[in-house]
């Protein structure tokens, strides 16, 4: 019996594992395989239930043929109003101011009395001159009587011919003295007339520079006392400077004296003041490269005042037929300006265009566009060159916009402005 005990112990070491150990191993394998099975199931479910991706719908854009209208193009300028005539009123005789016949800033007419200078010294001088005329007339009458008697006596040789010649010379001298006396009368009469200082032109008078009771002196230019100034306001001038480029453009397009101009003031949105080109200087300023020009306007109510700024546009020719598209339809491709057009098959293409000014929200297209092109006016962000779109018919209409002033007085745009022809 003792010999069989080791053998029994060896059988115990090599015996199979209990059932509980096998169960634990199976549970461990199940926990490891469960996530893999779940993931495979989810993947199979999603692949089986996902719908097919539909093709995107064709974009819809609004198209229209360009608007074709008659327009008038203008060039822009900035300038000032000036009086058509301006006079500094100075006395022509010296003396004391005795009366003033106007109020400061009044509208005066030509010949209206403005100042009165003390007339008494000039009245006395005129009376003296007239007395001199009477004396000269008396001397002339006596000389003529002596000459008549001498001529009757010379026939009987009672008077020598030399005496007759002397008497004739005396008559001529008396005639000359009378003429000089009469000239002195006219001069004194003018001085008497100049004691009433009158308005040389009609217009708006400035304030008085001298009050009654002050002495004033006559003289030429600055040596005479300045009494006041008068500006003629109807008509009124508008002076401006144009660049050499605009000058050349106007020359080639035939602009000349009489070309129409329109002006708006700084607080206005419309060009309501009408006039015409009146003068262009005979040369350009070599320092600035500009040329001075002038327009003339009617100003019956004297509203326009010298020194006021204004924005002027000068007609650059007659009316022309132009194609117009909404300014919002213009696209920029680097240095080019383009428009998107849609063909008959719905294909979008880009056309490079040359642009002009804006009229009521519509941009003038100078070249690059045909009148039959269907331009994309709404939905440009959805249209790509080379792609296809669904075109919907639209209509181009001008919209009234307020005018804007140039940003700086010296900024002049060669594109200028344009308006629809009336």
Protein backbone atom coordinates (compact mmCIF):
# COMPACT_ATOMS: atom_id res chain seq x y z
CA UNK A 1 0.00 0.00 0.00
CA UNK A 2 2.80 2.36 0.76
CA UNK A 3 4.21 1.86 -2.72
CA UNK A 4 1.03 3.16 -4.42
CA UNK A 5 0.74 6.53 -2.52
CA UNK A 6 3.21 8.55 -4.66
CA UNK A 7 1.48 7.50 -7.80
CA UNK A 8 -1.86 8.74 -6.42
CA UNK A 9 -0.35 12.14 -5.63
CA UNK A 10 0.96 12.46 -9.21
CA UNK A 11 -2.55 11.83 -10.56
CA UNK A 12 -3.88 14.59 -8.36
CA UNK A 13 -1.50 17.20 -9.99
CA UNK A 14 -2.46 16.32 -13.56
CA UNK A 15 -6.24 16.12 -12.98
CA UNK A 16 -8.61 18.49 -15.03
CA UNK A 17 -9.57 21.99 -13.58
CA UNK A 18 -12.85 22.36 -11.71
CA UNK A 19 -16.01 23.62 -13.50
CA UNK A 20 -15.95 27.04 -11.69
CA UNK A 21 -12.56 27.92 -13.21
CA UNK A 22 -13.76 27.20 -16.73
CA UNK A 23 -16.79 29.43 -16.21
CA UNK A 24 -14.58 32.34 -15.16
CA UNK A 25 -12.50 32.01 -18.31
CA UNK A 26 -15.57 32.01 -20.52
CA UNK A 27 -16.96 35.17 -18.88
CA UNK A 28 -13.63 36.94 -19.41
CA UNK A 29 -13.63 36.07 -23.11
CA UNK A 30 -17.23 37.25 -23.45
CA UNK A 31 -16.42 40.71 -21.96
CA UNK A 32 -13.56 41.11 -24.40
CA UNK A 33 -15.62 40.11 -27.46
CA UNK A 34 -18.75 42.14 -26.53
CA UNK A 35 -17.42 45.66 -27.59
CA UNK A 36 -16.20 44.25 -30.87
CA UNK A 37 -19.56 42.71 -31.65
CA UNK A 38 -21.40 45.95 -30.68
CA UNK A 39 -19.16 48.07 -32.89
CA UNK A 40 -19.66 45.72 -35.81
CA UNK A 41 -23.42 45.85 -35.32
CA UNK A 42 -23.55 49.65 -35.19
CA UNK A 43 -21.44 49.89 -38.32
CA UNK A 44 -23.67 47.46 -40.17
CA UNK A 45 -26.79 49.33 -39.03
CA UNK A 46 -25.52 52.76 -40.10
CA UNK A 47 -24.37 51.49 -43.45
CA UNK A 48 -27.74 49.89 -44.06
CA UNK A 49 -29.88 52.95 -42.97
CA UNK A 50 -27.90 55.96 -44.53
CA UNK A 51 -29.78 57.50 -47.55
CA UNK A 52 -28.07 58.38 -50.86
CA UNK A 53 -26.66 62.02 -51.12
CA UNK A 54 -28.81 64.17 -53.51
CA UNK A 55 -27.22 66.55 -56.08
CA UNK A 56 -27.40 70.30 -55.06
CA UNK A 57 -30.08 72.35 -56.86
CA UNK A 58 -29.06 74.75 -59.65
CA UNK A 59 -28.73 78.35 -58.29
CA UNK A 60 -31.30 80.91 -59.47
CA UNK A 61 -30.18 84.42 -60.49
CA UNK A 62 -31.98 87.47 -61.88
CA UNK A 63 -30.81 88.71 -65.27
CA UNK A 64 -31.69 91.60 -67.54
CA UNK A 65 -30.47 93.27 -70.68
CA UNK A 66 -28.62 96.55 -70.00
CA UNK A 67 -30.75 99.70 -69.90
CA UNK A 68 -30.20 101.81 -73.01
CA UNK A 69 -30.73 105.55 -72.56
CA UNK A 70 -29.61 108.90 -73.93
CA UNK A 71 -27.26 110.61 -71.47
CA UNK A 72 -25.36 113.89 -71.18
CA UNK A 73 -21.84 113.65 -69.76
CA UNK A 74 -20.32 116.37 -67.58
CA UNK A 75 -16.89 117.20 -66.19
CA UNK A 76 -16.61 118.26 -62.54
CA UNK A 77 -15.01 121.46 -61.27
CA UNK A 78 -14.97 123.46 -58.05
CA UNK A 79 -14.76 127.24 -57.97
CA UNK A 80 -15.98 130.51 -56.47
CA UNK A 81 -18.53 133.10 -57.40
CA UNK A 82 -17.23 136.57 -58.27
CA UNK A 83 -18.92 139.85 -59.00
CA UNK A 84 -19.27 140.55 -62.71
CA UNK A 85 -18.15 144.13 -61.93
CA UNK A 86 -16.66 145.60 -58.79
CA UNK A 87 -15.97 149.29 -58.12
CA UNK A 88 -14.16 151.08 -55.31
CA UNK A 89 -15.98 154.37 -54.76
CA UNK A 90 -13.54 157.25 -54.16
CA UNK A 91 -14.17 161.01 -54.26
CA UNK A 92 -13.07 163.04 -57.27
CA UNK A 93 -12.89 166.29 -55.29
CA UNK A 94 -11.64 166.99 -51.78
CA UNK A 95 -13.80 168.31 -49.01
CA UNK A 96 -15.94 167.47 -46.02
CA UNK A 97 -18.68 164.83 -46.17
CA UNK A 98 -21.99 166.51 -45.36
CA UNK A 99 -24.51 163.71 -46.07
CA UNK A 100 -24.74 159.96 -46.73
CA UNK A 101 -27.66 158.77 -48.87
CA UNK A 102 -27.63 154.97 -48.48
CA UNK A 103 -27.73 152.27 -45.83
CA UNK A 104 -25.00 149.66 -45.51
CA UNK A 105 -25.59 146.64 -47.75
CA UNK A 106 -28.31 148.32 -49.78
CA UNK A 107 -29.03 147.48 -53.41
CA UNK A 108 -28.30 150.64 -55.39
CA UNK A 109 -28.89 151.58 -59.01
CA UNK A 110 -26.40 153.27 -61.31
CA UNK A 111 -26.37 157.05 -60.79
CA UNK A 112 -27.94 156.93 -57.34
CA UNK A 113 -26.45 159.53 -54.91
CA UNK A 114 -24.29 157.99 -52.19
CA UNK A 115 -22.36 160.86 -50.54
CA UNK A 116 -22.49 164.66 -50.62
CA UNK A 117 -19.34 166.74 -50.18
CA UNK A 118 -19.52 170.35 -48.98
CA UNK A 119 -20.46 172.29 -52.13
CA UNK A 120 -19.81 175.88 -51.01
CA UNK A 121 -16.16 176.17 -52.07
CA UNK A 122 -17.02 174.76 -55.48
CA UNK A 123 -20.02 177.04 -55.88
CA UNK A 124 -17.74 180.03 -55.30
CA UNK A 125 -15.18 178.70 -57.77
CA UNK A 126 -17.91 178.21 -60.37
CA UNK A 127 -19.18 181.75 -59.89
CA UNK A 128 -15.66 183.09 -60.31
CA UNK A 129 -15.22 181.10 -63.50
CA UNK A 130 -18.46 182.44 -64.87
CA UNK A 131 -17.33 185.99 -64.11
CA UNK A 132 -14.17 185.28 -66.05
CA UNK A 133 -16.30 184.27 -69.01
CA UNK A 134 -18.18 187.59 -68.85
CA UNK A 135 -14.90 189.52 -68.80
CA UNK A 136 -13.57 187.53 -71.77
CA UNK A 137 -16.79 188.14 -73.71
CA UNK A 138 -16.51 191.91 -73.08
CA UNK A 139 -12.88 192.01 -74.23
CA UNK A 140 -13.80 190.06 -77.35
CA UNK A 141 -16.66 192.42 -78.20
CA UNK A 142 -14.41 195.49 -77.84
CA UNK A 143 -11.69 193.92 -79.99
CA UNK A 144 -14.18 193.11 -82.73
CA UNK A 145 -15.60 196.69 -82.75
CA UNK A 146 -12.11 198.19 -83.04
CA UNK A 147 -11.32 195.83 -85.90
CA UNK A 148 -14.53 196.77 -87.74
CA UNK A 149 -13.78 200.50 -87.52
CA UNK A 150 -10.22 199.98 -88.67
CA UNK A 151 -11.31 197.96 -91.68
CA UNK A 152 -13.70 200.79 -92.74
CA UNK A 153 -10.99 203.39 -92.41
CA UNK A 154 -8.33 201.41 -94.23
CA UNK A 155 -10.27 201.87 -97.47
CA UNK A 156 -9.57 205.66 -97.35
CA UNK A 157 -6.02 205.13 -96.11
CA UNK A 158 -6.94 206.59 -92.71
CA UNK A 159 -5.47 203.56 -90.87
CA UNK A 160 -2.35 201.63 -91.71
CA UNK A 161 -2.51 197.98 -92.58
CA UNK A 162 -0.24 197.12 -89.66
CA UNK A 163 -2.80 198.55 -87.26
CA UNK A 164 -5.49 196.41 -88.82
CA UNK A 165 -3.29 193.33 -88.38
CA UNK A 166 -2.74 194.21 -84.72
CA UNK A 167 -6.47 194.54 -84.14
CA UNK A 168 -7.11 191.19 -85.81
CA UNK A 169 -4.57 189.56 -83.52
CA UNK A 170 -6.29 191.20 -80.58
CA UNK A 171 -9.63 189.66 -81.64
CA UNK A 172 -8.05 186.21 -81.90
CA UNK A 173 -6.49 186.55 -78.44
CA UNK A 174 -9.81 187.67 -76.97
CA UNK A 175 -11.52 184.67 -78.61
CA UNK A 176 -8.95 182.32 -77.11
CA UNK A 177 -9.33 183.95 -73.68
CA UNK A 178 -13.10 183.47 -73.90
CA UNK A 179 -12.65 179.80 -74.77
CA UNK A 180 -10.32 179.36 -71.78
CA UNK A 181 -12.80 181.07 -69.47
CA UNK A 182 -15.57 178.82 -70.74
CA UNK A 183 -13.39 175.75 -70.14
CA UNK A 184 -12.80 176.92 -66.56
CA UNK A 185 -16.53 177.17 -66.10
CA UNK A 186 -17.00 173.61 -67.32
CA UNK A 187 -14.23 172.40 -65.00
CA UNK A 188 -15.74 174.18 -62.01
CA UNK A 189 -19.15 172.83 -62.99
CA UNK A 190 -17.71 169.30 -63.03
CA UNK A 191 -16.20 169.86 -59.59
CA UNK A 192 -19.59 171.04 -58.45
CA UNK A 193 -21.15 167.90 -59.93
CA UNK A 194 -18.53 165.69 -58.29
CA UNK A 195 -19.54 166.97 -54.86
CA UNK A 196 -22.41 164.48 -55.16
CA UNK A 197 -20.78 161.06 -55.23
CA UNK A 198 -23.03 158.73 -57.27
CA UNK A 199 -23.01 154.98 -57.77
CA UNK A 200 -21.08 154.24 -61.00
CA UNK A 201 -22.78 150.83 -61.38
CA UNK A 202 -25.83 149.09 -60.00
CA UNK A 203 -25.41 146.36 -57.42
CA UNK A 204 -25.02 145.75 -53.73
CA UNK A 205 -23.14 148.45 -51.85
CA UNK A 206 -20.84 147.62 -48.97
CA UNK A 207 -20.75 149.50 -45.69
CA UNK A 208 -19.64 153.14 -45.59
CA UNK A 209 -15.94 153.56 -44.78
CA UNK A 210 -16.29 157.22 -43.78
CA UNK A 211 -18.91 159.06 -41.76
CA UNK A 212 -20.41 162.49 -42.31
CA UNK A 213 -18.20 165.34 -41.07
CA UNK A 214 -14.91 163.79 -42.10
CA UNK A 215 -12.62 165.30 -44.70
CA UNK A 216 -11.91 163.20 -47.76
CA UNK A 217 -9.20 163.62 -50.35
CA UNK A 218 -9.36 163.16 -54.09
CA UNK A 219 -6.70 161.24 -55.92
CA UNK A 220 -5.89 158.41 -58.27
CA UNK A 221 -5.90 154.85 -56.93
CA UNK A 222 -4.94 154.37 -53.31
CA UNK A 223 -4.23 158.10 -52.78
CA UNK A 224 -7.94 158.85 -52.76
CA UNK A 225 -10.10 158.16 -49.73
CA UNK A 226 -12.08 154.92 -50.06
CA UNK A 227 -15.74 155.64 -49.38
CA UNK A 228 -17.30 152.22 -50.10
CA UNK A 229 -17.40 149.44 -52.70
CA UNK A 230 -20.13 148.18 -55.04
CA UNK A 231 -20.43 144.69 -56.54
CA UNK A 232 -22.61 144.00 -59.56
CA UNK A 233 -24.38 140.69 -58.89
CA UNK A 234 -26.62 140.23 -61.91
CA UNK A 235 -25.15 138.63 -63.89
CA UNK A 236 -22.55 136.98 -61.67
CA UNK A 237 -19.36 135.14 -62.57
CA UNK A 238 -18.20 131.68 -61.46
CA UNK A 239 -14.44 131.24 -61.82
CA UNK A 240 -12.68 127.87 -61.65
CA UNK A 241 -9.40 126.15 -62.55
CA UNK A 242 -9.27 123.10 -64.80
CA UNK A 243 -6.51 120.56 -65.12
CA UNK A 244 -4.55 120.17 -68.33
CA UNK A 245 -6.17 116.79 -68.92
CA UNK A 246 -9.67 118.24 -68.77
CA UNK A 247 -8.61 121.19 -70.89
CA UNK A 248 -7.33 118.86 -73.62
CA UNK A 249 -10.47 116.74 -73.38
CA UNK A 250 -12.65 119.82 -73.79
CA UNK A 251 -10.61 121.03 -76.74
CA UNK A 252 -10.96 117.72 -78.55
CA UNK A 253 -14.68 117.52 -77.84
CA UNK A 254 -15.28 121.02 -79.14
CA UNK A 255 -16.06 122.83 -75.89
CA UNK A 256 -16.02 126.58 -76.40
CA UNK A 257 -17.57 129.80 -75.24
CA UNK A 258 -21.27 129.28 -74.63
CA UNK A 259 -21.07 125.64 -73.47
CA UNK A 260 -23.74 125.00 -70.81
CA UNK A 261 -22.77 124.64 -67.16
CA UNK A 262 -24.71 123.67 -64.05
CA UNK A 263 -23.76 124.61 -60.49
CA UNK A 264 -24.88 123.54 -57.06
CA UNK A 265 -24.06 125.18 -53.75
CA UNK A 266 -22.50 123.47 -50.76
CA UNK A 267 -25.84 122.77 -49.04
CA UNK A 268 -27.70 121.68 -52.17
CA UNK A 269 -28.15 118.22 -53.68
CA UNK A 270 -29.23 119.29 -57.17
CA UNK A 271 -27.55 121.40 -59.83
CA UNK A 272 -30.22 124.14 -59.99
CA UNK A 273 -28.10 127.10 -61.16
CA UNK A 274 -27.71 127.24 -64.93
CA UNK A 275 -25.19 129.25 -66.92
CA UNK A 276 -22.71 129.07 -69.74
CA UNK A 277 -18.97 129.16 -70.26
CA UNK A 278 -17.93 132.76 -70.78
CA UNK A 279 -14.13 132.91 -70.80
CA UNK A 280 -11.07 130.67 -70.92
CA UNK A 281 -7.63 132.10 -70.21
CA UNK A 282 -5.03 132.32 -72.96
CA UNK A 283 -2.52 130.00 -71.30
CA UNK A 284 -1.96 127.39 -68.58
CA UNK A 285 -0.22 128.20 -65.34
CA UNK A 286 3.18 126.45 -65.66
CA UNK A 287 3.44 126.06 -61.87
CA UNK A 288 0.12 124.30 -61.26
CA UNK A 289 -0.62 122.93 -64.74
CA UNK A 290 -4.12 124.39 -64.64
CA UNK A 291 -6.01 126.93 -66.71
CA UNK A 292 -8.41 129.57 -65.43
CA UNK A 293 -11.90 129.76 -66.86
CA UNK A 294 -15.16 131.53 -66.09
CA UNK A 295 -18.88 130.94 -66.42
CA UNK A 296 -21.63 133.57 -66.29
CA UNK A 297 -25.02 133.07 -64.61
CA UNK A 298 -28.17 135.09 -64.25
CA UNK A 299 -28.83 136.15 -60.65
CA UNK A 300 -32.05 138.20 -60.69
CA UNK A 301 -32.84 137.77 -57.00
CA UNK A 302 -29.19 138.46 -56.04
CA UNK A 303 -29.05 135.25 -54.00
CA UNK A 304 -25.62 134.25 -55.27
CA UNK A 305 -22.90 136.19 -53.48
CA UNK A 306 -19.23 136.73 -54.40
CA UNK A 307 -16.90 134.42 -52.51
CA UNK A 308 -19.31 131.49 -52.26
CA UNK A 309 -18.01 128.02 -53.20
CA UNK A 310 -19.85 125.91 -55.74
CA UNK A 311 -19.59 122.55 -57.49
CA UNK A 312 -19.84 122.98 -61.23
CA UNK A 313 -20.25 120.51 -64.04
CA UNK A 314 -19.48 121.42 -67.64
CA UNK A 315 -21.16 119.64 -70.49
CA UNK A 316 -18.54 117.58 -72.32
CA UNK A 317 -20.51 117.28 -75.54
CA UNK A 318 -23.97 116.48 -76.82
CA UNK A 319 -26.17 113.61 -75.77
CA UNK A 320 -24.96 110.06 -76.44
CA UNK A 321 -26.59 106.64 -76.24
CA UNK A 322 -25.22 104.57 -73.37
CA UNK A 323 -25.71 101.16 -71.77
CA UNK A 324 -26.34 101.16 -68.02
CA UNK A 325 -26.31 98.40 -65.40
CA UNK A 326 -26.75 98.48 -61.60
CA UNK A 327 -23.57 99.55 -59.89
CA UNK A 328 -23.95 96.57 -57.54
CA UNK A 329 -23.57 94.18 -60.50
CA UNK A 330 -19.97 95.32 -61.14
CA UNK A 331 -17.29 92.90 -59.95
CA UNK A 332 -13.57 93.46 -59.54
CA UNK A 333 -11.12 90.93 -60.90
CA UNK A 334 -7.71 92.20 -59.83
CA UNK A 335 -7.26 95.31 -61.99
CA UNK A 336 -10.27 94.60 -64.21
CA UNK A 337 -13.93 95.42 -63.84
CA UNK A 338 -16.21 92.62 -64.98
CA UNK A 339 -19.88 91.78 -65.44
CA UNK A 340 -21.39 88.30 -65.24
CA UNK A 341 -23.59 87.40 -68.20
CA UNK A 342 -25.70 84.27 -68.73
CA UNK A 343 -25.83 82.51 -72.09
CA UNK A 344 -28.84 80.78 -73.66
CA UNK A 345 -27.77 77.44 -72.18
CA UNK A 346 -27.50 78.93 -68.67
CA UNK A 347 -23.70 79.08 -68.65
CA UNK A 348 -22.18 82.03 -66.78
CA UNK A 349 -19.29 83.97 -68.28
CA UNK A 350 -17.41 87.10 -67.18
CA UNK A 351 -16.97 90.11 -69.49
CA UNK A 352 -14.30 92.74 -68.91
CA UNK A 353 -15.87 96.20 -69.26
CA UNK A 354 -14.83 99.86 -69.26
CA UNK A 355 -16.94 101.93 -66.91
CA UNK A 356 -18.18 105.50 -66.88
CA UNK A 357 -19.97 107.62 -64.25
CA UNK A 358 -22.95 106.62 -62.08
CA UNK A 359 -26.43 107.98 -62.85
CA UNK A 360 -29.09 107.38 -60.18
CA UNK A 361 -27.47 104.13 -59.04
CA UNK A 362 -26.75 102.88 -62.56
CA UNK A 363 -23.22 102.64 -63.93
CA UNK A 364 -22.47 103.67 -67.51
CA UNK A 365 -20.65 100.92 -69.42
CA UNK A 366 -18.50 102.50 -72.11
CA UNK A 367 -17.29 99.28 -73.76
CA UNK A 368 -17.16 95.50 -73.39
CA UNK A 369 -20.93 94.90 -73.18
CA UNK A 370 -23.53 94.21 -75.86
CA UNK A 371 -27.08 95.51 -75.71
CA UNK A 372 -28.40 91.90 -75.96
CA UNK A 373 -26.31 90.49 -73.10
CA UNK A 374 -28.22 89.08 -70.14
CA UNK A 375 -26.43 90.61 -67.16
CA UNK A 376 -26.71 89.08 -63.69
CA UNK A 377 -28.21 91.85 -61.57
CA UNK A 378 -29.26 89.82 -58.49
CA UNK A 379 -27.43 86.78 -57.15
CA UNK A 380 -23.93 87.51 -58.41
CA UNK A 381 -22.51 85.72 -55.36
CA UNK A 382 -24.12 82.45 -56.51
CA UNK A 383 -22.97 82.68 -60.13
CA UNK A 384 -19.52 81.43 -61.00
CA UNK A 385 -17.91 81.82 -64.44
CA UNK A 386 -18.15 78.50 -66.26
CA UNK A 387 -20.99 77.24 -64.05
CA UNK A 388 -24.66 76.91 -64.88
CA UNK A 389 -27.52 78.84 -63.33
CA UNK A 390 -31.25 79.13 -63.70
CA UNK A 391 -32.00 82.62 -65.07
CA UNK A 392 -35.01 84.62 -63.97
CA UNK A 393 -35.99 87.74 -65.94
CA UNK A 394 -35.66 91.08 -64.16
CA UNK A 395 -35.73 94.78 -65.02
CA UNK A 396 -33.18 97.55 -64.54
CA UNK A 397 -34.62 100.78 -63.15
CA UNK A 398 -32.80 103.98 -62.12
CA UNK A 399 -33.07 105.04 -58.52
CA UNK A 400 -32.86 108.64 -57.37
CA UNK A 401 -29.86 109.28 -55.16
CA UNK A 402 -28.64 112.38 -53.40
CA UNK A 403 -25.58 113.98 -54.96
CA UNK A 404 -22.40 114.01 -52.93
CA UNK A 405 -19.76 116.69 -52.89
CA UNK A 406 -16.18 115.93 -53.91
CA UNK A 407 -13.93 115.07 -51.02
CA UNK A 408 -11.43 117.86 -51.68
CA UNK A 409 -11.52 121.13 -53.64
CA UNK A 410 -8.55 120.06 -55.73
CA UNK A 411 -9.81 116.59 -56.58
CA UNK A 412 -11.03 116.51 -60.17
CA UNK A 413 -12.23 113.26 -61.69
CA UNK A 414 -11.72 112.63 -65.37
CA UNK A 415 -14.78 110.38 -65.41
CA UNK A 416 -16.93 113.32 -64.31
CA UNK A 417 -20.66 112.91 -64.09
CA UNK A 418 -23.54 112.15 -66.38
CA UNK A 419 -27.28 112.76 -66.43
CA UNK A 420 -30.13 111.38 -68.45
CA UNK A 421 -30.81 113.59 -71.47
CA UNK A 422 -33.88 115.77 -71.15
